[in-house]
């Protein structure tokens, strides 16, 4: 049973399977003499708290992605200087030891990385897509949010 005013809350804040399991446990473990209305209120309060925790967890993942990309930008510039003014080879698989920021395992689960180098080796772009957002850094020193994939471009624009 969902209270009339609470129905909209449930519609707007659909629980994940994990949060629904916790809400159900809270609901089921209330004292048997607790009224149905009080049980519903406790379930809603629990869901609100869990939704906020999920949002904060996602915000932390986004900050981690931004930090890794900023670090990748600095590392790419060092690579450029050490490789005679060329980014060629920067995105290759054997560079993940030198640049852990290019290893998808360094990013939150579900993050998709895209790293491209221009044909002449003078430009690059690295993009990380997570959830409904993406962030990009490139050789023009752009650091920006970009929700669409850069595809094969070597620029964030």
Protein backbone atom coordinates (compact mmCIF):
# COMPACT_ATOMS: atom_id res chain seq x y z
CA UNK A 1 0.00 0.00 0.00
CA UNK A 2 1.40 3.37 -1.02
CA UNK A 3 0.05 6.54 0.51
CA UNK A 4 -1.47 8.96 -2.01
CA UNK A 5 0.99 11.81 -1.42
CA UNK A 6 3.91 9.41 -1.34
CA UNK A 7 3.11 7.83 -4.71
CA UNK A 8 4.71 10.73 -6.57
CA UNK A 9 7.85 10.33 -4.49
CA UNK A 10 8.13 6.68 -5.50
CA UNK A 11 7.52 7.58 -9.13
CA UNK A 12 10.27 10.23 -9.13
CA UNK A 13 12.77 8.24 -7.03
CA UNK A 14 12.56 4.70 -8.27
CA UNK A 15 14.75 2.63 -5.98
CA UNK A 16 17.63 0.53 -7.21
CA UNK A 17 17.44 -3.18 -6.33
CA UNK A 18 20.02 -2.60 -3.58
CA UNK A 19 18.16 0.30 -1.97
CA UNK A 20 14.82 -1.47 -2.31
CA UNK A 21 16.24 -4.43 -0.41
CA UNK A 22 17.28 -2.16 2.46
CA UNK A 23 13.90 -0.37 2.48
CA UNK A 24 12.12 -3.72 2.58
CA UNK A 25 14.30 -4.86 5.47
CA UNK A 26 13.56 -1.69 7.46
CA UNK A 27 9.87 -2.08 6.69
CA UNK A 28 9.78 -5.77 7.65
CA UNK A 29 11.73 -5.29 10.89
CA UNK A 30 9.46 -2.66 12.39
CA UNK A 31 7.56 -3.82 15.44
CA UNK A 32 4.45 -5.84 14.54
CA UNK A 33 2.19 -3.38 16.33
CA UNK A 34 3.48 -0.47 14.18
CA UNK A 35 0.66 0.91 12.07
CA UNK A 36 0.72 0.60 8.30
CA UNK A 37 0.99 4.39 7.96
CA UNK A 38 4.05 4.53 10.24
CA UNK A 39 5.65 1.67 8.30
CA UNK A 40 5.08 3.54 5.03
CA UNK A 41 6.56 6.73 6.50
CA UNK A 42 9.65 4.88 7.74
CA UNK A 43 10.06 3.22 4.34
CA UNK A 44 9.88 6.60 2.58
CA UNK A 45 12.37 8.20 4.98
CA UNK A 46 14.77 5.31 4.42
CA UNK A 47 14.40 5.62 0.65
CA UNK A 48 15.11 9.37 0.78
CA UNK A 49 18.30 8.78 2.74
CA UNK A 50 19.45 5.99 0.43
CA UNK A 51 18.75 8.08 -2.69
CA UNK A 52 20.86 10.91 -1.28
CA UNK A 53 23.67 8.46 -0.53
CA UNK A 54 23.50 7.16 -4.11
CA UNK A 55 23.70 10.73 -5.46
CA UNK A 56 26.72 11.52 -3.30
CA UNK A 57 28.38 8.28 -4.36
CA UNK A 58 27.89 9.24 -8.03
CA UNK A 59 29.25 12.74 -7.36
CA UNK A 60 32.37 11.15 -5.87
CA UNK A 61 32.81 8.98 -8.97
CA UNK A 62 32.48 12.04 -11.20
CA UNK A 63 35.14 13.87 -9.18
CA UNK A 64 37.42 10.83 -9.49
CA UNK A 65 36.99 10.87 -13.28
CA UNK A 66 37.74 14.59 -13.49
CA UNK A 67 40.84 14.17 -11.35
CA UNK A 68 42.13 11.26 -13.46
CA UNK A 69 41.58 13.20 -16.69
CA UNK A 70 43.40 16.26 -15.35
CA UNK A 71 46.27 14.01 -14.36
CA UNK A 72 46.20 12.40 -17.83
CA UNK A 73 46.50 15.84 -19.42
CA UNK A 74 49.65 16.60 -17.44
CA UNK A 75 51.09 13.16 -18.20
CA UNK A 76 50.35 13.60 -21.91
CA UNK A 77 52.32 16.84 -21.96
CA UNK A 78 55.29 15.12 -20.31
CA UNK A 79 54.98 12.30 -22.86
CA UNK A 80 54.96 14.87 -25.68
CA UNK A 81 58.16 16.49 -24.37
CA UNK A 82 59.93 13.14 -23.95
CA UNK A 83 58.92 11.87 -27.41
CA UNK A 84 60.33 14.62 -29.62
CA UNK A 85 57.16 16.69 -29.74
CA UNK A 86 54.78 13.86 -30.60
CA UNK A 87 51.79 12.24 -28.89
CA UNK A 88 52.08 9.20 -31.20
CA UNK A 89 51.74 6.02 -29.20
CA UNK A 90 50.16 7.78 -26.21
CA UNK A 91 46.90 5.82 -26.49
CA UNK A 92 48.48 2.43 -27.13
CA UNK A 93 47.84 -0.39 -24.67
CA UNK A 94 51.48 -0.55 -23.57
CA UNK A 95 51.25 3.01 -22.21
CA UNK A 96 48.82 2.11 -19.41
CA UNK A 97 51.73 1.25 -17.13
CA UNK A 98 53.28 4.66 -17.77
CA UNK A 99 49.89 6.36 -17.70
CA UNK A 100 47.50 4.61 -15.30
CA UNK A 101 44.97 7.30 -16.27
CA UNK A 102 44.61 5.48 -19.61
CA UNK A 103 43.72 2.21 -17.91
CA UNK A 104 39.96 1.81 -17.73
CA UNK A 105 40.44 -0.13 -14.47
CA UNK A 106 41.48 3.14 -12.80
CA UNK A 107 38.03 4.60 -13.41
CA UNK A 108 34.70 3.85 -11.72
CA UNK A 109 32.94 0.78 -13.06
CA UNK A 110 30.91 1.58 -16.16
CA UNK A 111 33.24 4.33 -17.40
CA UNK A 112 34.09 4.18 -21.10
CA UNK A 113 37.40 5.68 -22.21
CA UNK A 114 38.18 7.04 -25.64
CA UNK A 115 41.72 8.12 -26.54
CA UNK A 116 42.60 9.45 -30.00
CA UNK A 117 45.81 10.78 -31.57
CA UNK A 118 46.01 12.87 -34.73
CA UNK A 119 47.77 11.37 -37.75
CA UNK A 120 50.75 13.70 -37.38
CA UNK A 121 51.01 13.03 -33.62
CA UNK A 122 50.54 16.69 -32.74
CA UNK A 123 47.08 16.40 -31.17
CA UNK A 124 45.19 14.11 -28.81
CA UNK A 125 41.89 13.90 -26.98
CA UNK A 126 40.95 11.66 -24.06
CA UNK A 127 37.32 11.30 -23.06
CA UNK A 128 35.69 9.43 -20.17
CA UNK A 129 31.96 8.71 -20.43
CA UNK A 130 30.11 7.78 -17.24
CA UNK A 131 26.38 7.43 -16.82
CA UNK A 132 24.81 10.35 -18.72
CA UNK A 133 27.89 12.56 -18.69
CA UNK A 134 31.31 12.74 -20.23
CA UNK A 135 34.48 14.74 -19.70
CA UNK A 136 37.26 15.43 -22.13
CA UNK A 137 40.83 16.77 -22.16
CA UNK A 138 42.90 17.47 -25.26
CA UNK A 139 46.18 18.82 -26.56
CA UNK A 140 44.66 22.30 -26.91
CA UNK A 141 44.50 22.27 -23.10
CA UNK A 142 40.72 22.07 -23.14
CA UNK A 143 39.13 20.46 -20.11
CA UNK A 144 35.39 20.28 -20.53
CA UNK A 145 32.20 18.38 -19.98
CA UNK A 146 31.06 16.72 -23.17
CA UNK A 147 27.99 14.52 -23.14
CA UNK A 148 28.42 13.28 -26.71
CA UNK A 149 31.22 10.95 -27.72
CA UNK A 150 34.23 12.48 -29.45
CA UNK A 151 34.32 9.42 -31.73
CA UNK A 152 37.64 9.49 -33.59
CA UNK A 153 38.29 13.22 -33.09
CA UNK A 154 41.47 14.41 -31.44
CA UNK A 155 39.80 17.50 -30.01
CA UNK A 156 37.13 17.96 -27.34
CA UNK A 157 35.27 20.43 -29.55
